[in-house]
Amino acid sequence: MMMPDKLLFLPGALGRMDFWRPAAGLIRCPAQSIHIGWPGFGPTPAEPDVNGIEDLVARVVKQLDRPCALIAQSMGGVVAIRAALARPEHVTHLVLAATSGGLDISGLGAQDWREVVRKDFPTLPDWFLNDRQDLTGQLSQLRMPSLLLWGDADAISPVLVGQKLAQHLPRADLHIFEGADHDLAYTHAAEVAALIDQHICATRT
């Protein structure tokens, strides 16, 4: 497996482009770091041609012009999975934190976060709340190494979700953080950065 030329950091539904910066600043991998924002989410202004998840996927796919690692949290993980399915030849590694990854997670104890987000963040686009495409049957196509990061105190994406995702991704390594919540990649930045470095370097040829 080759080393990535770019590290693409994808935020969750709140569009926090600062979410991955603490960990990104500690990653030693000599690749360009790019923090992607979602138009209409958080600090990124809305754009008229972004009206659905597939529009976000297209923006990430456009960045996959050379070997890249996709590093994503929560909703960003769904976008990362779809982008990797579209251009697997240019995705060297996946790092997914606290995400459904496009799985059907009903019955896995996940808290229904959609109405909470709709109430607390009324200015966010509502189309992403209705996206329920099940990618389970396609995950076996993703043969790049995948690092899965989960917190055992996360009610939105419980450990059972990470375990199910690990069963479907052919080369997945699941790491569980004791006491960590949905924002573990931000609150445990130093540990996350070390794991990402190990993940990328350990699979280098």
N, C-alpha and C. Protein backbone atom coordinates (compact mmCIF):
# COMPACT_ATOMS: atom_id res chain seq x y z
N MET A 1 0.83 -1.19 0.00
CA MET A 1 0.00 0.00 0.00
C MET A 1 0.87 1.24 0.00
N MET A 2 0.58 2.16 -0.89
CA MET A 2 1.40 3.36 -1.00
C MET A 2 1.02 4.39 0.07
N MET A 3 1.90 5.34 0.27
CA MET A 3 1.64 6.44 1.19
C MET A 3 0.77 7.49 0.49
N PRO A 4 -0.09 8.18 1.24
CA PRO A 4 -0.90 9.23 0.62
C PRO A 4 -0.11 10.51 0.38
N ASP A 5 -0.46 11.22 -0.68
CA ASP A 5 0.08 12.55 -0.93
C ASP A 5 -0.74 13.61 -0.22
N LYS A 6 -2.02 13.29 0.05
CA LYS A 6 -2.91 14.24 0.70
C LYS A 6 -3.69 13.55 1.82
N LEU A 7 -3.92 14.28 2.90
CA LEU A 7 -4.83 13.85 3.96
C LEU A 7 -6.05 14.75 3.89
N LEU A 8 -7.20 14.16 3.57
CA LEU A 8 -8.44 14.94 3.46
C LEU A 8 -9.25 14.76 4.74
N PHE A 9 -9.46 15.84 5.48
CA PHE A 9 -10.18 15.80 6.75
C PHE A 9 -11.62 16.26 6.51
N LEU A 10 -12.58 15.39 6.86
CA LEU A 10 -14.00 15.66 6.63
C LEU A 10 -14.71 15.78 7.97
N PRO A 11 -15.43 16.89 8.20
CA PRO A 11 -16.13 17.08 9.46
C PRO A 11 -17.47 16.37 9.48
N GLY A 12 -18.16 16.47 10.62
CA GLY A 12 -19.49 15.92 10.75
C GLY A 12 -20.56 16.90 10.28
N ALA A 13 -21.78 16.68 10.74
CA ALA A 13 -22.92 17.44 10.25
C ALA A 13 -22.89 18.91 10.65
N LEU A 14 -22.14 19.26 11.71
CA LEU A 14 -22.07 20.67 12.10
C LEU A 14 -21.07 21.44 11.26
N GLY A 15 -20.32 20.73 10.41
CA GLY A 15 -19.42 21.39 9.48
C GLY A 15 -18.24 22.08 10.13
N ARG A 16 -17.84 21.63 11.29
CA ARG A 16 -16.73 22.28 12.03
C ARG A 16 -15.40 21.98 11.35
N MET A 17 -14.89 22.94 10.60
CA MET A 17 -13.61 22.74 9.93
C MET A 17 -12.44 22.73 10.90
N ASP A 18 -12.69 23.19 12.15
CA ASP A 18 -11.64 23.15 13.16
C ASP A 18 -11.61 21.81 13.91
N PHE A 19 -12.57 20.94 13.64
CA PHE A 19 -12.71 19.71 14.42
C PHE A 19 -11.45 18.85 14.38
N TRP A 20 -10.88 18.66 13.20
CA TRP A 20 -9.73 17.78 13.03
C TRP A 20 -8.40 18.50 13.22
N ARG A 21 -8.40 19.81 13.36
CA ARG A 21 -7.12 20.54 13.38
C ARG A 21 -6.20 20.15 14.54
N PRO A 22 -6.70 19.94 15.76
CA PRO A 22 -5.78 19.53 16.83
C PRO A 22 -5.04 18.23 16.51
N ALA A 23 -5.76 17.23 15.99
CA ALA A 23 -5.11 15.97 15.63
C ALA A 23 -4.23 16.15 14.40
N ALA A 24 -4.72 16.89 13.41
CA ALA A 24 -3.96 17.09 12.17
C ALA A 24 -2.61 17.74 12.44
N GLY A 25 -2.60 18.67 13.41
CA GLY A 25 -1.35 19.35 13.72
C GLY A 25 -0.30 18.47 14.36
N LEU A 26 -0.72 17.30 14.83
CA LEU A 26 0.21 16.37 15.49
C LEU A 26 0.59 15.19 14.60
N ILE A 27 -0.06 15.05 13.46
CA ILE A 27 0.24 13.94 12.56
C ILE A 27 1.56 14.20 11.85
N ARG A 28 2.43 13.20 11.86
CA ARG A 28 3.78 13.38 11.31
C ARG A 28 3.88 12.97 9.85
N CYS A 29 2.87 12.33 9.33
CA CYS A 29 2.90 11.88 7.94
C CYS A 29 3.17 13.06 7.01
N PRO A 30 4.20 12.97 6.15
CA PRO A 30 4.56 14.11 5.29
C PRO A 30 3.65 14.24 4.08
N ALA A 31 2.39 14.52 4.35
CA ALA A 31 1.41 14.69 3.27
C ALA A 31 0.69 16.01 3.48
N GLN A 32 0.16 16.55 2.41
CA GLN A 32 -0.59 17.81 2.48
C GLN A 32 -1.90 17.57 3.22
N SER A 33 -2.20 18.42 4.20
CA SER A 33 -3.46 18.34 4.94
C SER A 33 -4.47 19.31 4.35
N ILE A 34 -5.65 18.80 4.03
CA ILE A 34 -6.72 19.64 3.48
C ILE A 34 -7.97 19.43 4.32
N HIS A 35 -8.49 20.53 4.88
CA HIS A 35 -9.71 20.48 5.70
C HIS A 35 -10.88 20.93 4.84
N ILE A 36 -11.80 20.02 4.62
CA ILE A 36 -12.93 20.29 3.73
C ILE A 36 -14.14 20.75 4.53
N GLY A 37 -14.80 21.80 4.06
CA GLY A 37 -16.04 22.27 4.67
C GLY A 37 -17.24 21.88 3.83
N TRP A 38 -18.39 21.83 4.46
CA TRP A 38 -19.63 21.51 3.75
C TRP A 38 -20.41 22.80 3.52
N PRO A 39 -20.65 23.19 2.27
CA PRO A 39 -21.42 24.41 2.00
C PRO A 39 -22.79 24.38 2.67
N GLY A 40 -23.07 25.43 3.44
CA GLY A 40 -24.33 25.51 4.16
C GLY A 40 -24.27 24.99 5.58
N PHE A 41 -23.12 24.39 5.95
CA PHE A 41 -22.93 23.85 7.29
C PHE A 41 -21.84 24.63 8.01
N GLY A 42 -22.10 25.00 9.27
CA GLY A 42 -21.07 25.67 10.05
C GLY A 42 -20.60 26.96 9.39
N PRO A 43 -19.27 27.17 9.32
CA PRO A 43 -18.74 28.44 8.80
C PRO A 43 -18.70 28.53 7.27
N THR A 44 -19.06 27.44 6.58
CA THR A 44 -18.93 27.42 5.12
C THR A 44 -20.22 27.94 4.47
N PRO A 45 -20.14 29.01 3.70
CA PRO A 45 -21.35 29.58 3.09
C PRO A 45 -22.06 28.57 2.18
N ALA A 46 -23.37 28.66 2.15
CA ALA A 46 -24.16 27.80 1.27
C ALA A 46 -23.86 28.12 -0.19
N GLU A 47 -24.02 27.10 -1.04
CA GLU A 47 -23.85 27.28 -2.48
C GLU A 47 -25.06 26.67 -3.19
N PRO A 48 -25.55 27.32 -4.23
CA PRO A 48 -26.80 26.87 -4.85
C PRO A 48 -26.73 25.49 -5.48
N ASP A 49 -25.51 25.02 -5.83
CA ASP A 49 -25.40 23.71 -6.47
C ASP A 49 -25.15 22.59 -5.48
N VAL A 50 -25.25 22.86 -4.19
CA VAL A 50 -25.10 21.82 -3.17
C VAL A 50 -26.45 21.61 -2.50
N ASN A 51 -27.10 20.52 -2.86
CA ASN A 51 -28.47 20.27 -2.39
C ASN A 51 -28.68 18.84 -1.90
N GLY A 52 -27.60 18.11 -1.70
CA GLY A 52 -27.75 16.74 -1.22
C GLY A 52 -26.41 16.11 -0.91
N ILE A 53 -26.45 14.95 -0.27
CA ILE A 53 -25.22 14.24 0.10
C ILE A 53 -24.34 13.99 -1.12
N GLU A 54 -24.95 13.65 -2.24
CA GLU A 54 -24.16 13.35 -3.44
C GLU A 54 -23.36 14.56 -3.91
N ASP A 55 -23.86 15.76 -3.64
CA ASP A 55 -23.10 16.96 -4.00
C ASP A 55 -21.86 17.10 -3.12
N LEU A 56 -21.97 16.71 -1.85
CA LEU A 56 -20.82 16.71 -0.96
C LEU A 56 -19.81 15.64 -1.39
N VAL A 57 -20.33 14.48 -1.76
CA VAL A 57 -19.46 13.40 -2.24
C VAL A 57 -18.68 13.85 -3.47
N ALA A 58 -19.35 14.53 -4.38
CA ALA A 58 -18.69 14.99 -5.61
C ALA A 58 -17.55 15.93 -5.30
N ARG A 59 -17.70 16.77 -4.26
CA ARG A 59 -16.63 17.69 -3.89
C ARG A 59 -15.41 16.94 -3.37
N VAL A 60 -15.65 15.88 -2.62
CA VAL A 60 -14.53 15.08 -2.12
C VAL A 60 -13.88 14.30 -3.26
N VAL A 61 -14.69 13.71 -4.11
CA VAL A 61 -14.16 12.95 -5.25
C VAL A 61 -13.27 13.83 -6.12
N LYS A 62 -13.62 15.09 -6.26
CA LYS A 62 -12.82 16.02 -7.06
C LYS A 62 -11.40 16.18 -6.48
N GLN A 63 -11.28 16.00 -5.18
CA GLN A 63 -9.97 16.09 -4.53
C GLN A 63 -9.14 14.81 -4.70
N LEU A 64 -9.78 13.73 -5.12
CA LEU A 64 -9.09 12.44 -5.24
C LEU A 64 -8.38 12.34 -6.59
N ASP A 65 -7.42 13.25 -6.79
CA ASP A 65 -6.68 13.29 -8.04
C ASP A 65 -5.30 12.65 -7.92
N ARG A 66 -4.98 12.16 -6.75
CA ARG A 66 -3.72 11.45 -6.47
C ARG A 66 -3.92 10.66 -5.19
N PRO A 67 -2.96 9.88 -4.75
CA PRO A 67 -3.17 9.06 -3.54
C PRO A 67 -3.56 9.91 -2.33
N CYS A 68 -4.69 9.56 -1.72
CA CYS A 68 -5.22 10.33 -0.59
C CYS A 68 -5.67 9.40 0.53
N ALA A 69 -5.57 9.90 1.76
CA ALA A 69 -6.21 9.25 2.90
C ALA A 69 -7.43 10.08 3.27
N LEU A 70 -8.55 9.42 3.48
CA LEU A 70 -9.78 10.08 3.90
C LEU A 70 -9.93 9.91 5.40
N ILE A 71 -10.03 11.01 6.11
CA ILE A 71 -10.11 11.01 7.57
C ILE A 71 -11.39 11.75 7.94
N ALA A 72 -12.37 11.03 8.49
CA ALA A 72 -13.72 11.59 8.58
C ALA A 72 -14.39 11.26 9.90
N GLN A 73 -15.29 12.17 10.31
CA GLN A 73 -16.04 12.01 11.54
C GLN A 73 -17.54 12.06 11.26
N SER A 74 -18.29 11.19 11.92
CA SER A 74 -19.75 11.19 11.91
C SER A 74 -20.31 11.24 10.48
N MET A 75 -21.11 12.27 10.13
CA MET A 75 -21.67 12.34 8.79
C MET A 75 -20.59 12.36 7.72
N GLY A 76 -19.44 12.93 8.05
CA GLY A 76 -18.33 12.93 7.10
C GLY A 76 -17.89 11.53 6.73
N GLY A 77 -18.10 10.57 7.64
CA GLY A 77 -17.74 9.19 7.35
C GLY A 77 -18.60 8.59 6.26
N VAL A 78 -19.86 9.00 6.21
CA VAL A 78 -20.75 8.52 5.15
C VAL A 78 -20.28 9.07 3.80
N VAL A 79 -19.90 10.35 3.80
CA VAL A 79 -19.38 10.96 2.57
C VAL A 79 -18.07 10.28 2.16
N ALA A 80 -17.21 9.99 3.13
CA ALA A 80 -15.93 9.34 2.84
C ALA A 80 -16.13 7.96 2.23
N ILE A 81 -17.05 7.19 2.77
CA ILE A 81 -17.32 5.86 2.23
C ILE A 81 -17.79 5.95 0.79
N ARG A 82 -18.69 6.87 0.52
CA ARG A 82 -19.22 7.00 -0.85
C ARG A 82 -18.13 7.48 -1.81
N ALA A 83 -17.28 8.39 -1.35
CA ALA A 83 -16.19 8.86 -2.20
C ALA A 83 -15.20 7.74 -2.47
N ALA A 84 -14.91 6.93 -1.46
CA ALA A 84 -13.97 5.82 -1.64
C ALA A 84 -14.54 4.77 -2.59
N LEU A 85 -15.85 4.56 -2.54
CA LEU A 85 -16.48 3.63 -3.48
C LEU A 85 -16.40 4.16 -4.91
N ALA A 86 -16.45 5.48 -5.05
CA ALA A 86 -16.40 6.09 -6.39
C ALA A 86 -15.00 6.07 -6.97
N ARG A 87 -13.96 6.27 -6.14
CA ARG A 87 -12.59 6.34 -6.63
C ARG A 87 -11.64 5.53 -5.74
N PRO A 88 -11.86 4.24 -5.60
CA PRO A 88 -11.04 3.44 -4.67
C PRO A 88 -9.57 3.41 -5.04
N GLU A 89 -9.26 3.60 -6.31
CA GLU A 89 -7.86 3.54 -6.76
C GLU A 89 -7.03 4.70 -6.22
N HIS A 90 -7.67 5.76 -5.75
CA HIS A 90 -6.94 6.92 -5.25
C HIS A 90 -7.06 7.08 -3.73
N VAL A 91 -7.70 6.13 -3.06
CA VAL A 91 -7.83 6.19 -1.60
C VAL A 91 -6.91 5.14 -1.00
N THR A 92 -5.84 5.61 -0.36
CA THR A 92 -4.85 4.70 0.22
C THR A 92 -5.28 4.18 1.58
N HIS A 93 -5.96 5.02 2.37
CA HIS A 93 -6.36 4.67 3.73
C HIS A 93 -7.67 5.35 4.07
N LEU A 94 -8.43 4.71 4.94
CA LEU A 94 -9.63 5.31 5.54
C LEU A 94 -9.41 5.42 7.04
N VAL A 95 -9.82 6.55 7.60
CA VAL A 95 -9.91 6.71 9.05
C VAL A 95 -11.32 7.22 9.34
N LEU A 96 -12.10 6.44 10.07
CA LEU A 96 -13.50 6.76 10.31
C LEU A 96 -13.75 6.83 11.81
N ALA A 97 -14.26 7.96 12.27
CA ALA A 97 -14.53 8.16 13.69
C ALA A 97 -16.02 8.33 13.94
N ALA A 98 -16.58 7.47 14.77
CA ALA A 98 -17.96 7.62 15.25
C ALA A 98 -18.95 7.90 14.14
N THR A 99 -19.02 7.03 13.15
CA THR A 99 -19.89 7.23 12.00
C THR A 99 -20.74 6.00 11.74
N SER A 100 -21.85 6.19 11.06
CA SER A 100 -22.61 5.02 10.62
C SER A 100 -21.94 4.38 9.41
N GLY A 101 -21.17 5.18 8.68
CA GLY A 101 -20.50 4.66 7.49
C GLY A 101 -21.44 4.20 6.40
N GLY A 102 -22.70 4.61 6.50
CA GLY A 102 -23.67 4.18 5.51
C GLY A 102 -24.35 2.86 5.86
N LEU A 103 -24.11 2.37 7.07
CA LEU A 103 -24.78 1.15 7.52
C LEU A 103 -26.21 1.45 7.97
N ASP A 104 -27.05 0.43 7.94
CA ASP A 104 -28.33 0.51 8.62
C ASP A 104 -28.06 0.20 10.09
N ILE A 105 -28.15 1.21 10.96
CA ILE A 105 -27.77 1.01 12.36
C ILE A 105 -28.98 0.82 13.28
N SER A 106 -30.14 0.62 12.68
CA SER A 106 -31.32 0.34 13.52
C SER A 106 -31.08 -0.97 14.27
N GLY A 107 -31.47 -0.98 15.51
CA GLY A 107 -31.28 -2.17 16.34
C GLY A 107 -29.92 -2.26 17.00
N LEU A 108 -29.08 -1.23 16.82
CA LEU A 108 -27.75 -1.25 17.43
C LEU A 108 -27.64 -0.29 18.61
N GLY A 109 -28.78 0.22 19.07
CA GLY A 109 -28.80 1.05 20.28
C GLY A 109 -28.43 2.50 20.07
N ALA A 110 -28.41 2.97 18.82
CA ALA A 110 -28.02 4.35 18.55
C ALA A 110 -29.15 5.31 18.90
N GLN A 111 -28.80 6.42 19.53
CA GLN A 111 -29.76 7.47 19.83
C GLN A 111 -30.21 8.16 18.54
N ASP A 112 -31.50 8.45 18.43
CA ASP A 112 -31.99 9.16 17.24
C ASP A 112 -31.60 10.63 17.36
N TRP A 113 -30.56 11.00 16.63
CA TRP A 113 -29.98 12.34 16.75
C TRP A 113 -30.63 13.36 15.83
N ARG A 114 -31.42 12.89 14.87
CA ARG A 114 -31.91 13.79 13.82
C ARG A 114 -32.78 14.91 14.36
N GLU A 115 -33.75 14.58 15.23
CA GLU A 115 -34.65 15.61 15.74
C GLU A 115 -33.93 16.58 16.66
N VAL A 116 -32.93 16.08 17.39
CA VAL A 116 -32.14 16.95 18.26
C VAL A 116 -31.38 17.98 17.41
N VAL A 117 -30.75 17.52 16.34
CA VAL A 117 -30.01 18.42 15.46
C VAL A 117 -30.97 19.41 14.79
N ARG A 118 -32.11 18.91 14.35
CA ARG A 118 -33.09 19.79 13.69
C ARG A 118 -33.54 20.91 14.63
N LYS A 119 -33.71 20.57 15.91
CA LYS A 119 -34.18 21.55 16.88
C LYS A 119 -33.07 22.53 17.28
N ASP A 120 -31.87 21.98 17.55
CA ASP A 120 -30.78 22.82 18.07
C ASP A 120 -30.05 23.61 17.00
N PHE A 121 -30.12 23.13 15.74
CA PHE A 121 -29.39 23.80 14.65
C PHE A 121 -30.34 23.99 13.47
N PRO A 122 -31.34 24.85 13.64
CA PRO A 122 -32.39 24.99 12.62
C PRO A 122 -31.91 25.56 11.29
N THR A 123 -30.72 26.17 11.26
CA THR A 123 -30.24 26.75 10.01
C THR A 123 -29.50 25.74 9.13
N LEU A 124 -29.23 24.55 9.67
CA LEU A 124 -28.55 23.54 8.86
C LEU A 124 -29.48 23.04 7.77
N PRO A 125 -28.93 22.68 6.60
CA PRO A 125 -29.77 22.05 5.56
C PRO A 125 -30.43 20.79 6.12
N ASP A 126 -31.69 20.59 5.78
CA ASP A 126 -32.38 19.43 6.35
C ASP A 126 -32.29 18.18 5.48
N TRP A 127 -31.75 18.32 4.26
CA TRP A 127 -31.73 17.14 3.38
C TRP A 127 -30.82 16.04 3.90
N PHE A 128 -29.77 16.40 4.66
CA PHE A 128 -28.87 15.36 5.13
C PHE A 128 -29.52 14.53 6.24
N LEU A 129 -30.54 15.11 6.91
CA LEU A 129 -31.22 14.37 7.97
C LEU A 129 -32.05 13.22 7.41
N ASN A 130 -32.42 13.33 6.16
CA ASN A 130 -33.30 12.33 5.55
C ASN A 130 -32.55 11.28 4.75
N ASP A 131 -31.22 11.36 4.72
CA ASP A 131 -30.44 10.41 3.95
C ASP A 131 -30.31 9.09 4.73
N ARG A 132 -30.82 8.00 4.16
CA ARG A 132 -30.78 6.71 4.83
C ARG A 132 -30.32 5.60 3.89
N GLN A 133 -29.54 5.95 2.87
CA GLN A 133 -29.07 4.93 1.94
C GLN A 133 -28.21 3.91 2.68
N ASP A 134 -28.49 2.63 2.45
CA ASP A 134 -27.75 1.55 3.11
C ASP A 134 -26.64 1.06 2.17
N LEU A 135 -25.39 1.27 2.58
CA LEU A 135 -24.23 0.89 1.76
C LEU A 135 -23.61 -0.43 2.19
N THR A 136 -24.28 -1.17 3.08
CA THR A 136 -23.71 -2.38 3.66
C THR A 136 -23.18 -3.33 2.59
N GLY A 137 -23.96 -3.56 1.56
CA GLY A 137 -23.57 -4.53 0.54
C GLY A 137 -22.39 -4.13 -0.30
N GLN A 138 -21.97 -2.86 -0.23
CA GLN A 138 -20.85 -2.38 -1.04
C GLN A 138 -19.54 -2.27 -0.26
N LEU A 139 -19.61 -2.38 1.06
CA LEU A 139 -18.43 -2.12 1.88
C LEU A 139 -17.29 -3.11 1.62
N SER A 140 -17.61 -4.31 1.21
CA SER A 140 -16.56 -5.31 0.96
C SER A 140 -15.67 -4.93 -0.22
N GLN A 141 -16.11 -3.96 -1.02
CA GLN A 141 -15.30 -3.50 -2.16
C GLN A 141 -14.12 -2.63 -1.71
N LEU A 142 -14.18 -2.11 -0.48
CA LEU A 142 -13.17 -1.17 0.01
C LEU A 142 -12.04 -1.96 0.68
N ARG A 143 -10.99 -2.23 -0.09
CA ARG A 143 -9.92 -3.09 0.38
C ARG A 143 -8.71 -2.32 0.90
N MET A 144 -8.82 -1.01 0.99
CA MET A 144 -7.75 -0.23 1.60
C MET A 144 -7.80 -0.39 3.13
N PRO A 145 -6.68 -0.24 3.83
CA PRO A 145 -6.69 -0.33 5.29
C PRO A 145 -7.62 0.73 5.89
N SER A 146 -8.41 0.32 6.88
CA SER A 146 -9.36 1.22 7.52
C SER A 146 -9.15 1.23 9.02
N LEU A 147 -9.01 2.41 9.58
CA LEU A 147 -8.89 2.58 11.03
C LEU A 147 -10.21 3.14 11.54
N LEU A 148 -10.83 2.43 12.48
CA LEU A 148 -12.11 2.83 13.04
C LEU A 148 -11.91 3.29 14.47
N LEU A 149 -12.36 4.49 14.79
CA LEU A 149 -12.16 5.10 16.10
C LEU A 149 -13.52 5.31 16.77
N TRP A 150 -13.71 4.70 17.94
CA TRP A 150 -14.99 4.77 18.63
C TRP A 150 -14.81 5.06 20.10
N GLY A 151 -15.78 5.74 20.70
CA GLY A 151 -15.81 5.95 22.14
C GLY A 151 -16.88 5.10 22.77
N ASP A 152 -16.59 4.50 23.92
CA ASP A 152 -17.58 3.61 24.52
C ASP A 152 -18.66 4.35 25.31
N ALA A 153 -18.60 5.71 25.30
CA ALA A 153 -19.66 6.50 25.93
C ALA A 153 -20.46 7.28 24.89
N ASP A 154 -20.38 6.87 23.64
CA ASP A 154 -21.05 7.56 22.54
C ASP A 154 -22.45 7.00 22.34
N ALA A 155 -23.47 7.81 22.64
CA ALA A 155 -24.85 7.36 22.47
C ALA A 155 -25.32 7.50 21.03
N ILE A 156 -24.69 8.39 20.26
CA ILE A 156 -25.10 8.61 18.87
C ILE A 156 -24.61 7.49 17.97
N SER A 157 -23.38 7.06 18.17
CA SER A 157 -22.82 5.95 17.40
C SER A 157 -22.14 4.98 18.37
N PRO A 158 -22.90 4.07 18.97
CA PRO A 158 -22.36 3.16 19.96
C PRO A 158 -21.30 2.22 19.38
N VAL A 159 -20.56 1.59 20.25
CA VAL A 159 -19.49 0.68 19.84
C VAL A 159 -20.02 -0.42 18.93
N LEU A 160 -21.26 -0.85 19.14
CA LEU A 160 -21.83 -1.89 18.27
C LEU A 160 -21.81 -1.47 16.80
N VAL A 161 -21.95 -0.18 16.54
CA VAL A 161 -21.90 0.31 15.17
C VAL A 161 -20.49 0.12 14.61
N GLY A 162 -19.48 0.50 15.40
CA GLY A 162 -18.10 0.31 14.96
C GLY A 162 -17.77 -1.14 14.73
N GLN A 163 -18.28 -2.01 15.58
CA GLN A 163 -18.03 -3.44 15.43
C GLN A 163 -18.68 -3.99 14.17
N LYS A 164 -19.89 -3.52 13.87
CA LYS A 164 -20.55 -3.98 12.65
C LYS A 164 -19.82 -3.48 11.41
N LEU A 165 -19.37 -2.23 11.46
CA LEU A 165 -18.62 -1.68 10.33
C LEU A 165 -17.33 -2.46 10.12
N ALA A 166 -16.66 -2.83 11.21
CA ALA A 166 -15.42 -3.60 11.12
C ALA A 166 -15.65 -4.97 10.48
N GLN A 167 -16.83 -5.53 10.68
CA GLN A 167 -17.15 -6.83 10.09
C GLN A 167 -17.28 -6.75 8.57
N HIS A 168 -17.67 -5.58 8.07
CA HIS A 168 -17.94 -5.45 6.64
C HIS A 168 -16.78 -4.86 5.84
N LEU A 169 -15.86 -4.16 6.50
CA LEU A 169 -14.69 -3.62 5.80
C LEU A 169 -13.57 -4.65 5.87
N PRO A 170 -13.04 -5.10 4.74
CA PRO A 170 -12.11 -6.23 4.71
C PRO A 170 -10.82 -6.03 5.51
N ARG A 171 -10.34 -4.79 5.65
CA ARG A 171 -9.05 -4.56 6.32
C ARG A 171 -9.22 -3.51 7.41
N ALA A 172 -10.14 -3.77 8.33
CA ALA A 172 -10.48 -2.79 9.36
C ALA A 172 -9.81 -3.11 10.69
N ASP A 173 -9.38 -2.04 11.36
CA ASP A 173 -8.82 -2.13 12.71
C ASP A 173 -9.64 -1.18 13.59
N LEU A 174 -10.36 -1.73 14.57
CA LEU A 174 -11.23 -0.95 15.45
C LEU A 174 -10.50 -0.62 16.75
N HIS A 175 -10.45 0.67 17.09
CA HIS A 175 -9.85 1.11 18.36
C HIS A 175 -10.92 1.81 19.18
N ILE A 176 -11.13 1.34 20.41
CA ILE A 176 -12.17 1.88 21.28
C ILE A 176 -11.54 2.70 22.40
N PHE A 177 -12.02 3.93 22.58
CA PHE A 177 -11.53 4.83 23.62
C PHE A 177 -12.45 4.75 24.83
N GLU A 178 -11.90 4.39 25.95
CA GLU A 178 -12.69 4.28 27.17
C GLU A 178 -13.15 5.66 27.64
N GLY A 179 -14.46 5.78 27.88
CA GLY A 179 -15.03 7.02 28.38
C GLY A 179 -15.20 8.12 27.36
N ALA A 180 -14.84 7.87 26.10
CA ALA A 180 -14.92 8.92 25.07
C ALA A 180 -16.31 8.98 24.46
N ASP A 181 -16.66 10.18 24.00
CA ASP A 181 -17.98 10.44 23.42
C ASP A 181 -17.87 10.62 21.91
N HIS A 182 -18.88 11.23 21.32
CA HIS A 182 -18.98 11.35 19.86
C HIS A 182 -17.87 12.22 19.28
N ASP A 183 -17.33 13.11 20.10
CA ASP A 183 -16.29 14.03 19.62
C ASP A 183 -14.88 13.56 19.99
N LEU A 184 -14.69 12.26 20.12
CA LEU A 184 -13.41 11.72 20.59
C LEU A 184 -12.22 12.17 19.74
N ALA A 185 -12.41 12.36 18.45
CA ALA A 185 -11.28 12.74 17.59
C ALA A 185 -10.78 14.14 17.93
N TYR A 186 -11.63 14.94 18.58
CA TYR A 186 -11.24 16.28 19.02
C TYR A 186 -10.71 16.25 20.45
N THR A 187 -11.42 15.55 21.33
CA THR A 187 -11.04 15.54 22.74
C THR A 187 -9.81 14.67 23.02
N HIS A 188 -9.54 13.70 22.15
CA HIS A 188 -8.40 12.79 22.31
C HIS A 188 -7.44 12.95 21.13
N ALA A 189 -7.17 14.20 20.76
CA ALA A 189 -6.43 14.50 19.54
C ALA A 189 -5.05 13.84 19.51
N ALA A 190 -4.31 13.88 20.62
CA ALA A 190 -2.95 13.33 20.62
C ALA A 190 -2.96 11.83 20.38
N GLU A 191 -3.87 11.12 21.05
CA GLU A 191 -3.96 9.67 20.86
C GLU A 191 -4.43 9.33 19.44
N VAL A 192 -5.37 10.10 18.95
CA VAL A 192 -5.88 9.88 17.60
C VAL A 192 -4.79 10.11 16.56
N ALA A 193 -4.01 11.17 16.72
CA ALA A 193 -2.92 11.46 15.78
C ALA A 193 -1.90 10.34 15.76
N ALA A 194 -1.57 9.82 16.93
CA ALA A 194 -0.60 8.72 17.00
C ALA A 194 -1.13 7.48 16.30
N LEU A 195 -2.41 7.20 16.47
CA LEU A 195 -3.00 6.04 15.81
C LEU A 195 -3.05 6.22 14.29
N ILE A 196 -3.33 7.43 13.84
CA ILE A 196 -3.36 7.69 12.40
C ILE A 196 -1.97 7.51 11.81
N ASP A 197 -0.96 8.06 12.48
CA ASP A 197 0.41 7.87 12.01
C ASP A 197 0.77 6.39 11.93
N GLN A 198 0.42 5.67 12.97
CA GLN A 198 0.72 4.23 12.99
C GLN A 198 -0.03 3.51 11.88
N HIS A 199 -1.26 3.89 11.68
CA HIS A 199 -2.10 3.26 10.64
C HIS A 199 -1.50 3.45 9.26
N ILE A 200 -1.08 4.68 8.97
CA ILE A 200 -0.54 4.97 7.64
C ILE A 200 0.85 4.37 7.45
N CYS A 201 1.70 4.50 8.46
CA CYS A 201 3.08 4.01 8.34
C CYS A 201 3.16 2.49 8.38
N ALA A 202 2.27 1.87 9.17
CA ALA A 202 2.31 0.41 9.31
C ALA A 202 1.93 -0.30 8.02
N THR A 203 1.18 0.40 7.15
CA THR A 203 0.76 -0.22 5.90
C THR A 203 1.56 0.26 4.71
N ARG A 204 2.68 0.93 5.01
CA ARG A 204 3.53 1.43 3.94
C ARG A 204 4.33 0.28 3.32
N THR A 205 4.54 0.35 2.01
CA THR A 205 5.38 -0.65 1.33
C THR A 205 6.61 0.05 0.81
